[in-house]
């Protein structure tokens, strides 16, 4: 199944902007974290053509992702595994840490 990268990037960018801090809820923070993770996977570090090149600061997105994770932990969001352990339902969502994803 092919993924439309341009549409996925546009969706991630819109989610990033719609859920930007300051956070009003854990859900907003989690949506922002998800958008940051998607942007880290979809945004190239550099792009260019014969006419010129442009670079993107993915380190900034990574730092924002980490700060949002800290806010979620500080405000009772917990981790996906922690919430599943507290309930009797199995966890269906797995979130990997993207810390140090790109050096």
PDB file of N, CA and C in Angstrom:
ATOM      1  N   UNK A   1       0.847  -1.175   0.000  1.00  0.00           N
ATOM      2  CA  UNK A   1       0.000   0.000   0.000  1.00  0.00           C
ATOM      3  C   UNK A   1       0.891   1.237   0.000  1.00  0.00           C
ATOM      4  N   UNK A   2       0.758   2.036  -1.029  1.00  0.00           N
ATOM      5  CA  UNK A   2       1.568   3.242  -1.172  1.00  0.00           C
ATOM      6  C   UNK A   2       0.995   4.379  -0.331  1.00  0.00           C
ATOM      7  N   UNK A   3       1.890   5.162   0.227  1.00  0.00           N
ATOM      8  CA  UNK A   3       1.485   6.310   1.033  1.00  0.00           C
ATOM      9  C   UNK A   3       1.781   7.576   0.244  1.00  0.00           C
ATOM     10  N   UNK A   4       0.828   8.475   0.204  1.00  0.00           N
ATOM     11  CA  UNK A   4       1.029   9.760  -0.454  1.00  0.00           C
ATOM     12  C   UNK A   4       1.804  10.655   0.510  1.00  0.00           C
ATOM     13  N   UNK A   5       3.113  10.776   0.275  1.00  0.00           N
ATOM     14  CA  UNK A   5       3.987  11.507   1.193  1.00  0.00           C
ATOM     15  C   UNK A   5       3.606  12.977   1.297  1.00  0.00           C
ATOM     16  N   UNK A   6       3.212  13.591   0.185  1.00  0.00           N
ATOM     17  CA  UNK A   6       2.848  15.007   0.222  1.00  0.00           C
ATOM     18  C   UNK A   6       1.604  15.229   1.081  1.00  0.00           C
ATOM     19  N   UNK A   7       0.625  14.354   0.948  1.00  0.00           N
ATOM     20  CA  UNK A   7      -0.594  14.480   1.755  1.00  0.00           C
ATOM     21  C   UNK A   7      -0.301  14.201   3.225  1.00  0.00           C
ATOM     22  N   UNK A   8       0.548  13.201   3.492  1.00  0.00           N
ATOM     23  CA  UNK A   8       0.913  12.881   4.874  1.00  0.00           C
ATOM     24  C   UNK A   8       1.666  14.038   5.519  1.00  0.00           C
ATOM     25  N   UNK A   9       2.561  14.672   4.760  1.00  0.00           N
ATOM     26  CA  UNK A   9       3.314  15.819   5.278  1.00  0.00           C
ATOM     27  C   UNK A   9       2.376  16.983   5.567  1.00  0.00           C
ATOM     28  N   UNK A  10       1.449  17.238   4.671  1.00  0.00           N
ATOM     29  CA  UNK A  10       0.491  18.331   4.877  1.00  0.00           C
ATOM     30  C   UNK A  10      -0.376  18.077   6.104  1.00  0.00           C
ATOM     31  N   UNK A  11      -0.824  16.859   6.288  1.00  0.00           N
ATOM     32  CA  UNK A  11      -1.635  16.500   7.459  1.00  0.00           C
ATOM     33  C   UNK A  11      -0.825  16.667   8.745  1.00  0.00           C
ATOM     34  N   UNK A  12       0.431  16.220   8.732  1.00  0.00           N
ATOM     35  CA  UNK A  12       1.292  16.345   9.908  1.00  0.00           C
ATOM     36  C   UNK A  12       1.563  17.814  10.237  1.00  0.00           C
ATOM     37  N   UNK A  13       1.802  18.624   9.210  1.00  0.00           N
ATOM     38  CA  UNK A  13       2.043  20.050   9.438  1.00  0.00           C
ATOM     39  C   UNK A  13       0.819  20.726  10.033  1.00  0.00           C
ATOM     40  N   UNK A  14      -0.365  20.382   9.539  1.00  0.00           N
ATOM     41  CA  UNK A  14      -1.590  20.988  10.069  1.00  0.00           C
ATOM     42  C   UNK A  14      -1.828  20.568  11.513  1.00  0.00           C
ATOM     43  N   UNK A  15      -1.603  19.299  11.819  1.00  0.00           N
ATOM     44  CA  UNK A  15      -1.753  18.814  13.199  1.00  0.00           C
ATOM     45  C   UNK A  15      -0.751  19.493  14.123  1.00  0.00           C
ATOM     46  N   UNK A  16       0.467  19.704  13.636  1.00  0.00           N
ATOM     47  CA  UNK A  16       1.514  20.379  14.401  1.00  0.00           C
ATOM     48  C   UNK A  16       1.076  21.806  14.752  1.00  0.00           C
ATOM     49  N   UNK A  17       0.533  22.508  13.772  1.00  0.00           N
ATOM     50  CA  UNK A  17       0.099  23.885  14.001  1.00  0.00           C
ATOM     51  C   UNK A  17      -1.156  23.957  14.860  1.00  0.00           C
ATOM     52  N   UNK A  18      -2.100  23.054  14.643  1.00  0.00           N
ATOM     53  CA  UNK A  18      -3.361  23.063  15.389  1.00  0.00           C
ATOM     54  C   UNK A  18      -3.171  22.735  16.863  1.00  0.00           C
ATOM     55  N   UNK A  19      -2.169  21.944  17.195  1.00  0.00           N
ATOM     56  CA  UNK A  19      -1.996  21.476  18.574  1.00  0.00           C
ATOM     57  C   UNK A  19      -0.775  22.059  19.265  1.00  0.00           C
ATOM     58  N   UNK A  20      -0.229  23.142  18.730  1.00  0.00           N
ATOM     59  CA  UNK A  20       0.974  23.755  19.296  1.00  0.00           C
ATOM     60  C   UNK A  20       0.718  24.252  20.723  1.00  0.00           C
ATOM     61  N   UNK A  21       1.783  24.257  21.551  1.00  0.00           N
ATOM     62  CA  UNK A  21       1.651  24.758  22.919  1.00  0.00           C
ATOM     63  C   UNK A  21       1.208  26.214  22.943  1.00  0.00           C
ATOM     64  N   UNK A  22       0.608  26.677  24.006  1.00  0.00           N
ATOM     65  CA  UNK A  22       0.411  26.011  25.293  1.00  0.00           C
ATOM     66  C   UNK A  22      -0.709  24.976  25.206  1.00  0.00           C
ATOM     67  N   UNK A  23      -0.514  23.871  25.900  1.00  0.00           N
ATOM     68  CA  UNK A  23      -1.459  22.770  25.865  1.00  0.00           C
ATOM     69  C   UNK A  23      -2.610  23.014  26.832  1.00  0.00           C
ATOM     70  N   UNK A  24      -3.809  22.685  26.360  1.00  0.00           N
ATOM     71  CA  UNK A  24      -4.992  22.806  27.197  1.00  0.00           C
ATOM     72  C   UNK A  24      -5.424  21.443  27.736  1.00  0.00           C
ATOM     73  N   UNK A  25      -4.892  20.367  27.143  1.00  0.00           N
ATOM     74  CA  UNK A  25      -5.283  19.029  27.581  1.00  0.00           C
ATOM     75  C   UNK A  25      -4.191  18.023  27.213  1.00  0.00           C
ATOM     76  N   UNK A  26      -4.298  16.857  27.827  1.00  0.00           N
ATOM     77  CA  UNK A  26      -3.382  15.762  27.517  1.00  0.00           C
ATOM     78  C   UNK A  26      -3.567  15.331  26.064  1.00  0.00           C
ATOM     79  N   UNK A  27      -4.801  15.307  25.592  1.00  0.00           N
ATOM     80  CA  UNK A  27      -5.090  14.902  24.211  1.00  0.00           C
ATOM     81  C   UNK A  27      -4.410  15.836  23.221  1.00  0.00           C
ATOM     82  N   UNK A  28      -4.480  17.133  23.471  1.00  0.00           N
ATOM     83  CA  UNK A  28      -3.827  18.099  22.587  1.00  0.00           C
ATOM     84  C   UNK A  28      -2.319  17.848  22.574  1.00  0.00           C
ATOM     85  N   UNK A  29      -1.747  17.605  23.741  1.00  0.00           N
ATOM     86  CA  UNK A  29      -0.314  17.326  23.841  1.00  0.00           C
ATOM     87  C   UNK A  29       0.049  16.053  23.083  1.00  0.00           C
ATOM     88  N   UNK A  30      -0.752  15.003  23.227  1.00  0.00           N
ATOM     89  CA  UNK A  30      -0.474  13.749  22.531  1.00  0.00           C
ATOM     90  C   UNK A  30      -0.586  13.912  21.016  1.00  0.00           C
ATOM     91  N   UNK A  31      -1.545  14.716  20.569  1.00  0.00           N
ATOM     92  CA  UNK A  31      -1.669  14.993  19.133  1.00  0.00           C
ATOM     93  C   UNK A  31      -0.443  15.746  18.623  1.00  0.00           C
ATOM     94  N   UNK A  32       0.063  16.662  19.442  1.00  0.00           N
ATOM     95  CA  UNK A  32       1.264  17.422  19.079  1.00  0.00           C
ATOM     96  C   UNK A  32       2.484  16.503  19.022  1.00  0.00           C
ATOM     97  N   UNK A  33       2.606  15.610  19.988  1.00  0.00           N
ATOM     98  CA  UNK A  33       3.714  14.654  20.005  1.00  0.00           C
ATOM     99  C   UNK A  33       3.663  13.776  18.757  1.00  0.00           C
ATOM    100  N   UNK A  34       2.472  13.310  18.420  1.00  0.00           N
ATOM    101  CA  UNK A  34       2.305  12.476  17.226  1.00  0.00           C
ATOM    102  C   UNK A  34       2.683  13.259  15.967  1.00  0.00           C
ATOM    103  N   UNK A  35       2.274  14.523  15.894  1.00  0.00           N
ATOM    104  CA  UNK A  35       2.609  15.362  14.731  1.00  0.00           C
ATOM    105  C   UNK A  35       4.120  15.578  14.631  1.00  0.00           C
ATOM    106  N   UNK A  36       4.772  15.819  15.774  1.00  0.00           N
ATOM    107  CA  UNK A  36       6.236  15.980  15.769  1.00  0.00           C
ATOM    108  C   UNK A  36       6.916  14.712  15.266  1.00  0.00           C
ATOM    109  N   UNK A  37       6.455  13.564  15.736  1.00  0.00           N
ATOM    110  CA  UNK A  37       7.044  12.295  15.311  1.00  0.00           C
ATOM    111  C   UNK A  37       6.870  12.097  13.806  1.00  0.00           C
ATOM    112  N   UNK A  38       5.702  12.433  13.293  1.00  0.00           N
ATOM    113  CA  UNK A  38       5.466  12.303  11.860  1.00  0.00           C
ATOM    114  C   UNK A  38       6.349  13.262  11.072  1.00  0.00           C
ATOM    115  N   UNK A  39       6.489  14.493  11.566  1.00  0.00           N
ATOM    116  CA  UNK A  39       7.341  15.449  10.871  1.00  0.00           C
ATOM    117  C   UNK A  39       8.797  15.000  10.853  1.00  0.00           C
ATOM    118  N   UNK A  40       9.250  14.404  11.944  1.00  0.00           N
ATOM    119  CA  UNK A  40      10.628  13.909  11.985  1.00  0.00           C
ATOM    120  C   UNK A  40      10.871  12.831  10.931  1.00  0.00           C
ATOM    121  N   UNK A  41       9.838  12.064  10.627  1.00  0.00           N
ATOM    122  CA  UNK A  41       9.982  11.024   9.612  1.00  0.00           C
ATOM    123  C   UNK A  41       9.801  11.562   8.197  1.00  0.00           C
ATOM    124  N   UNK A  42       8.998  12.608   8.033  1.00  0.00           N
ATOM    125  CA  UNK A  42       8.626  13.067   6.695  1.00  0.00           C
ATOM    126  C   UNK A  42       9.445  14.231   6.154  1.00  0.00           C
ATOM    127  N   UNK A  43       9.991  15.065   7.042  1.00  0.00           N
ATOM    128  CA  UNK A  43      10.713  16.256   6.596  1.00  0.00           C
ATOM    129  C   UNK A  43      12.163  15.889   6.280  1.00  0.00           C
ATOM    130  N   UNK A  44      12.619  16.199   5.077  1.00  0.00           N
ATOM    131  CA  UNK A  44      14.030  15.926   4.751  1.00  0.00           C
ATOM    132  C   UNK A  44      14.931  16.938   5.453  1.00  0.00           C
ATOM    133  N   UNK A  45      16.162  16.551   5.742  1.00  0.00           N
ATOM    134  CA  UNK A  45      17.085  17.497   6.376  1.00  0.00           C
ATOM    135  C   UNK A  45      17.554  18.550   5.380  1.00  0.00           C
ATOM    136  N   UNK A  46      17.677  18.165   4.109  1.00  0.00           N
ATOM    137  CA  UNK A  46      18.015  19.122   3.052  1.00  0.00           C
ATOM    138  C   UNK A  46      17.239  18.767   1.791  1.00  0.00           C
ATOM    139  N   UNK A  47      17.011  19.768   1.000  1.00  0.00           N
ATOM    140  CA  UNK A  47      16.338  19.577  -0.274  1.00  0.00           C
ATOM    141  C   UNK A  47      16.865  20.624  -1.233  1.00  0.00           C
ATOM    142  N   UNK A  48      16.940  20.287  -2.497  1.00  0.00           N
ATOM    143  CA  UNK A  48      17.461  21.281  -3.419  1.00  0.00           C
ATOM    144  C   UNK A  48      17.373  20.868  -4.871  1.00  0.00           C
ATOM    145  N   UNK A  49      17.815  21.782  -5.677  1.00  0.00           N
ATOM    146  CA  UNK A  49      17.879  21.581  -7.120  1.00  0.00           C
ATOM    147  C   UNK A  49      19.101  22.331  -7.635  1.00  0.00           C
ATOM    148  N   UNK A  50      19.198  22.479  -8.935  1.00  0.00           N
ATOM    149  CA  UNK A  50      20.326  23.219  -9.510  1.00  0.00           C
ATOM    150  C   UNK A  50      20.338  24.676  -9.052  1.00  0.00           C
ATOM    151  N   UNK A  51      19.164  25.224  -8.830  1.00  0.00           N
ATOM    152  CA  UNK A  51      19.055  26.643  -8.478  1.00  0.00           C
ATOM    153  C   UNK A  51      19.452  26.938  -7.035  1.00  0.00           C
ATOM    154  N   UNK A  52      19.322  25.956  -6.173  1.00  0.00           N
ATOM    155  CA  UNK A  52      19.683  26.208  -4.778  1.00  0.00           C
ATOM    156  C   UNK A  52      19.264  25.076  -3.867  1.00  0.00           C
ATOM    157  N   UNK A  53      19.710  25.164  -2.630  1.00  0.00           N
ATOM    158  CA  UNK A  53      19.405  24.161  -1.616  1.00  0.00           C
ATOM    159  C   UNK A  53      18.802  24.835  -0.397  1.00  0.00           C
ATOM    160  N   UNK A  54      18.037  24.064   0.360  1.00  0.00           N
ATOM    161  CA  UNK A  54      17.466  24.556   1.600  1.00  0.00           C
ATOM    162  C   UNK A  54      17.633  23.458   2.652  1.00  0.00           C
ATOM    163  N   UNK A  55      17.881  23.877   3.885  1.00  0.00           N
ATOM    164  CA  UNK A  55      18.026  22.929   4.986  1.00  0.00           C
ATOM    165  C   UNK A  55      16.920  23.118   6.004  1.00  0.00           C
ATOM    166  N   UNK A  56      16.531  22.035   6.658  1.00  0.00           N
ATOM    167  CA  UNK A  56      15.475  22.084   7.660  1.00  0.00           C
ATOM    168  C   UNK A  56      16.055  21.667   9.000  1.00  0.00           C
ATOM    169  N   UNK A  57      15.686  22.383  10.057  1.00  0.00           N
ATOM    170  CA  UNK A  57      16.213  22.112  11.395  1.00  0.00           C
ATOM    171  C   UNK A  57      15.333  21.078  12.092  1.00  0.00           C
ATOM    172  N   UNK A  58      15.620  19.812  11.866  1.00  0.00           N
ATOM    173  CA  UNK A  58      14.840  18.762  12.503  1.00  0.00           C
ATOM    174  C   UNK A  58      15.186  18.629  13.985  1.00  0.00           C
ATOM    175  N   UNK A  59      16.334  19.162  14.399  1.00  0.00           N
ATOM    176  CA  UNK A  59      16.697  19.148  15.822  1.00  0.00           C
ATOM    177  C   UNK A  59      15.693  19.955  16.644  1.00  0.00           C
ATOM    178  N   UNK A  60      15.195  21.046  16.066  1.00  0.00           N
ATOM    179  CA  UNK A  60      14.202  21.869  16.754  1.00  0.00           C
ATOM    180  C   UNK A  60      12.916  21.071  16.977  1.00  0.00           C
ATOM    181  N   UNK A  61      12.478  20.341  15.963  1.00  0.00           N
ATOM    182  CA  UNK A  61      11.275  19.524  16.106  1.00  0.00           C
ATOM    183  C   UNK A  61      11.503  18.444  17.156  1.00  0.00           C
ATOM    184  N   UNK A  62      12.683  17.852  17.174  1.00  0.00           N
ATOM    185  CA  UNK A  62      13.013  16.826  18.153  1.00  0.00           C
ATOM    186  C   UNK A  62      12.976  17.394  19.575  1.00  0.00           C
ATOM    187  N   UNK A  63      13.508  18.592  19.761  1.00  0.00           N
ATOM    188  CA  UNK A  63      13.486  19.233  21.080  1.00  0.00           C
ATOM    189  C   UNK A  63      12.062  19.554  21.504  1.00  0.00           C
ATOM    190  N   UNK A  64      11.238  20.006  20.563  1.00  0.00           N
ATOM    191  CA  UNK A  64       9.838  20.299  20.883  1.00  0.00           C
ATOM    192  C   UNK A  64       9.094  19.020  21.255  1.00  0.00           C
ATOM    193  N   UNK A  65       9.399  17.941  20.566  1.00  0.00           N
ATOM    194  CA  UNK A  65       8.808  16.641  20.867  1.00  0.00           C
ATOM    195  C   UNK A  65       9.160  16.240  22.296  1.00  0.00           C
ATOM    196  N   UNK A  66      10.428  16.372  22.666  1.00  0.00           N
ATOM    197  CA  UNK A  66      10.876  16.001  24.012  1.00  0.00           C
ATOM    198  C   UNK A  66      10.226  16.870  25.081  1.00  0.00           C
ATOM    199  N   UNK A  67      10.090  18.178  24.824  1.00  0.00           N
ATOM    200  CA  UNK A  67       9.435  19.070  25.788  1.00  0.00           C
ATOM    201  C   UNK A  67       7.974  18.710  25.966  1.00  0.00           C
ATOM    202  N   UNK A  68       7.311  18.351  24.876  1.00  0.00           N
ATOM    203  CA  UNK A  68       5.905  17.951  24.959  1.00  0.00           C
ATOM    204  C   UNK A  68       5.775  16.645  25.751  1.00  0.00           C
ATOM    205  N   UNK A  69       6.717  15.715  25.548  1.00  0.00           N
ATOM    206  CA  UNK A  69       6.726  14.471  26.333  1.00  0.00           C
ATOM    207  C   UNK A  69       6.877  14.779  27.816  1.00  0.00           C
ATOM    208  N   UNK A  70       7.769  15.709  28.164  1.00  0.00           N
ATOM    209  CA  UNK A  70       7.969  16.100  29.561  1.00  0.00           C
ATOM    210  C   UNK A  70       6.698  16.720  30.132  1.00  0.00           C
ATOM    211  N   UNK A  71       6.019  17.564  29.349  1.00  0.00           N
ATOM    212  CA  UNK A  71       4.770  18.190  29.810  1.00  0.00           C
ATOM    213  C   UNK A  71       3.732  17.120  30.063  1.00  0.00           C
ATOM    214  N   UNK A  72       3.629  16.152  29.148  1.00  0.00           N
ATOM    215  CA  UNK A  72       2.642  15.084  29.306  1.00  0.00           C
ATOM    216  C   UNK A  72       2.918  14.282  30.567  1.00  0.00           C
ATOM    217  N   UNK A  73       4.181  13.952  30.822  1.00  0.00           N
ATOM    218  CA  UNK A  73       4.533  13.202  32.024  1.00  0.00           C
ATOM    219  C   UNK A  73       4.230  14.008  33.292  1.00  0.00           C
ATOM    220  N   UNK A  74       4.531  15.304  33.245  1.00  0.00           N
ATOM    221  CA  UNK A  74       4.317  16.164  34.416  1.00  0.00           C
ATOM    222  C   UNK A  74       2.841  16.416  34.694  1.00  0.00           C
ATOM    223  N   UNK A  75       2.003  16.265  33.691  1.00  0.00           N
ATOM    224  CA  UNK A  75       0.581  16.554  33.848  1.00  0.00           C
ATOM    225  C   UNK A  75      -0.283  15.303  33.852  1.00  0.00           C
ATOM    226  N   UNK A  76       0.309  14.195  34.217  1.00  0.00           N
ATOM    227  CA  UNK A  76      -0.460  12.978  34.428  1.00  0.00           C
ATOM    228  C   UNK A  76      -0.801  12.198  33.182  1.00  0.00           C
ATOM    229  N   UNK A  77      -0.118  12.469  32.096  1.00  0.00           N
ATOM    230  CA  UNK A  77      -0.415  11.744  30.866  1.00  0.00           C
ATOM    231  C   UNK A  77       0.107  10.324  30.882  1.00  0.00           C
ATOM    232  N   UNK A  78       1.224  10.105  31.541  1.00  0.00           N
ATOM    233  CA  UNK A  78       1.808   8.778  31.586  1.00  0.00           C
ATOM    234  C   UNK A  78       2.247   8.313  30.215  1.00  0.00           C
ATOM    235  N   UNK A  79       2.650   7.076  30.148  1.00  0.00           N
ATOM    236  CA  UNK A  79       3.049   6.493  28.865  1.00  0.00           C
ATOM    237  C   UNK A  79       1.958   5.553  28.399  1.00  0.00           C
ATOM    238  N   UNK A  80       2.005   5.169  27.153  1.00  0.00           N
ATOM    239  CA  UNK A  80       1.006   4.254  26.605  1.00  0.00           C
ATOM    240  C   UNK A  80       1.032   2.929  27.364  1.00  0.00           C
ATOM    241  N   UNK A  81       2.215   2.438  27.699  1.00  0.00           N
ATOM    242  CA  UNK A  81       2.335   1.178  28.428  1.00  0.00           C
ATOM    243  C   UNK A  81       1.799   1.322  29.846  1.00  0.00           C
ATOM    244  N   UNK A  82       2.015   2.481  30.456  1.00  0.00           N
ATOM    245  CA  UNK A  82       1.541   2.701  31.812  1.00  0.00           C
ATOM    246  C   UNK A  82       0.039   2.733  31.906  1.00  0.00           C
ATOM    247  N   UNK A  83      -0.625   3.330  30.941  1.00  0.00           N
ATOM    248  CA  UNK A  83      -2.082   3.388  30.981  1.00  0.00           C
ATOM    249  C   UNK A  83      -2.679   2.015  30.730  1.00  0.00           C
ATOM    250  N   UNK A  84      -2.041   1.186  29.894  1.00  0.00           N
ATOM    251  CA  UNK A  84      -2.544  -0.156  29.641  1.00  0.00           C
ATOM    252  C   UNK A  84      -2.362  -1.035  30.874  1.00  0.00           C
ATOM    253  N   UNK A  85      -1.276  -0.821  31.611  1.00  0.00           N
ATOM    254  CA  UNK A  85      -1.023  -1.618  32.803  1.00  0.00           C
ATOM    255  C   UNK A  85      -2.051  -1.316  33.889  1.00  0.00           C
ATOM    256  N   UNK A  86      -2.575  -0.086  33.919  1.00  0.00           N
ATOM    257  CA  UNK A  86      -3.546   0.289  34.921  1.00  0.00           C
ATOM    258  C   UNK A  86      -4.952  -0.164  34.575  1.00  0.00           C
ATOM    259  N   UNK A  87      -5.193  -0.522  33.334  1.00  0.00           N
ATOM    260  CA  UNK A  87      -6.506  -1.008  32.936  1.00  0.00           C
ATOM    261  C   UNK A  87      -6.403  -2.495  32.633  1.00  0.00           C
ATOM    262  N   UNK A  88      -7.530  -3.124  32.455  1.00  0.00           N
ATOM    263  CA  UNK A  88      -7.537  -4.545  32.139  1.00  0.00           C
ATOM    264  C   UNK A  88      -7.572  -4.803  30.647  1.00  0.00           C
ATOM    265  N   UNK A  89      -7.400  -3.765  29.841  1.00  0.00           N
ATOM    266  CA  UNK A  89      -7.426  -3.912  28.396  1.00  0.00           C
ATOM    267  C   UNK A  89      -6.001  -3.916  27.858  1.00  0.00           C
ATOM    268  N   UNK A  90      -5.757  -4.719  26.818  1.00  0.00           N
ATOM    269  CA  UNK A  90      -4.415  -4.728  26.236  1.00  0.00           C
ATOM    270  C   UNK A  90      -4.119  -3.429  25.509  1.00  0.00           C
ATOM    271  N   UNK A  91      -2.849  -3.066  25.468  1.00  0.00           N
ATOM    272  CA  UNK A  91      -2.430  -1.860  24.782  1.00  0.00           C
ATOM    273  C   UNK A  91      -2.369  -2.118  23.288  1.00  0.00           C
ATOM    274  N   UNK A  92      -2.955  -1.238  22.509  1.00  0.00           N
ATOM    275  CA  UNK A  92      -2.910  -1.367  21.058  1.00  0.00           C
ATOM    276  C   UNK A  92      -2.066  -0.275  20.438  1.00  0.00           C
ATOM    277  N   UNK A  93      -1.610   0.659  21.240  1.00  0.00           N
ATOM    278  CA  UNK A  93      -0.798   1.762  20.745  1.00  0.00           C
ATOM    279  C   UNK A  93       0.600   1.621  21.309  1.00  0.00           C
ATOM    280  N   UNK A  94       1.571   1.664  20.441  1.00  0.00           N
ATOM    281  CA  UNK A  94       2.962   1.606  20.863  1.00  0.00           C
ATOM    282  C   UNK A  94       3.636   2.887  20.415  1.00  0.00           C
ATOM    283  N   UNK A  95       4.227   3.591  21.345  1.00  0.00           N
ATOM    284  CA  UNK A  95       4.931   4.834  21.026  1.00  0.00           C
ATOM    285  C   UNK A  95       6.402   4.640  21.335  1.00  0.00           C
ATOM    286  N   UNK A  96       7.214   4.843  20.343  1.00  0.00           N
ATOM    287  CA  UNK A  96       8.651   4.736  20.527  1.00  0.00           C
ATOM    288  C   UNK A  96       9.221   6.121  20.804  1.00  0.00           C
ATOM    289  N   UNK A  97      10.220   6.184  21.603  1.00  0.00           N
ATOM    290  CA  UNK A  97      10.900   7.446  21.858  1.00  0.00           C
ATOM    291  C   UNK A  97      11.723   7.833  20.638  1.00  0.00           C
ATOM    292  N   UNK A  98      11.598   9.061  20.216  1.00  0.00           N
ATOM    293  CA  UNK A  98      12.364   9.546  19.079  1.00  0.00           C
ATOM    294  C   UNK A  98      13.556  10.395  19.517  1.00  0.00           C
ATOM    295  N   UNK A  99      13.882  10.303  20.780  1.00  0.00           N
ATOM    296  CA  UNK A  99      15.049  11.006  21.276  1.00  0.00           C
ATOM    297  C   UNK A  99      16.274  10.466  20.556  1.00  0.00           C
ATOM    298  N   UNK A 100      17.093  11.319  20.060  1.00  0.00           N
ATOM    299  CA  UNK A 100      18.296  10.966  19.299  1.00  0.00           C
ATOM    300  C   UNK A 100      17.974  10.260  17.997  1.00  0.00           C
ATOM    301  N   UNK A 101      16.775  10.497  17.436  1.00  0.00           N
ATOM    302  CA  UNK A 101      16.398   9.856  16.181  1.00  0.00           C
ATOM    303  C   UNK A 101      17.299  10.279  15.047  1.00  0.00           C
ATOM    304  N   UNK A 102      17.587  11.588  14.980  1.00  0.00           N
ATOM    305  CA  UNK A 102      18.502  12.089  13.960  1.00  0.00           C
ATOM    306  C   UNK A 102      19.612  12.871  14.652  1.00  0.00           C
ATOM    307  N   UNK A 103      20.820  12.544  14.336  1.00  0.00           N
ATOM    308  CA  UNK A 103      21.952  13.241  14.953  1.00  0.00           C
ATOM    309  C   UNK A 103      22.505  14.294  14.037  1.00  0.00           C
TER     310      UNK A 103
END
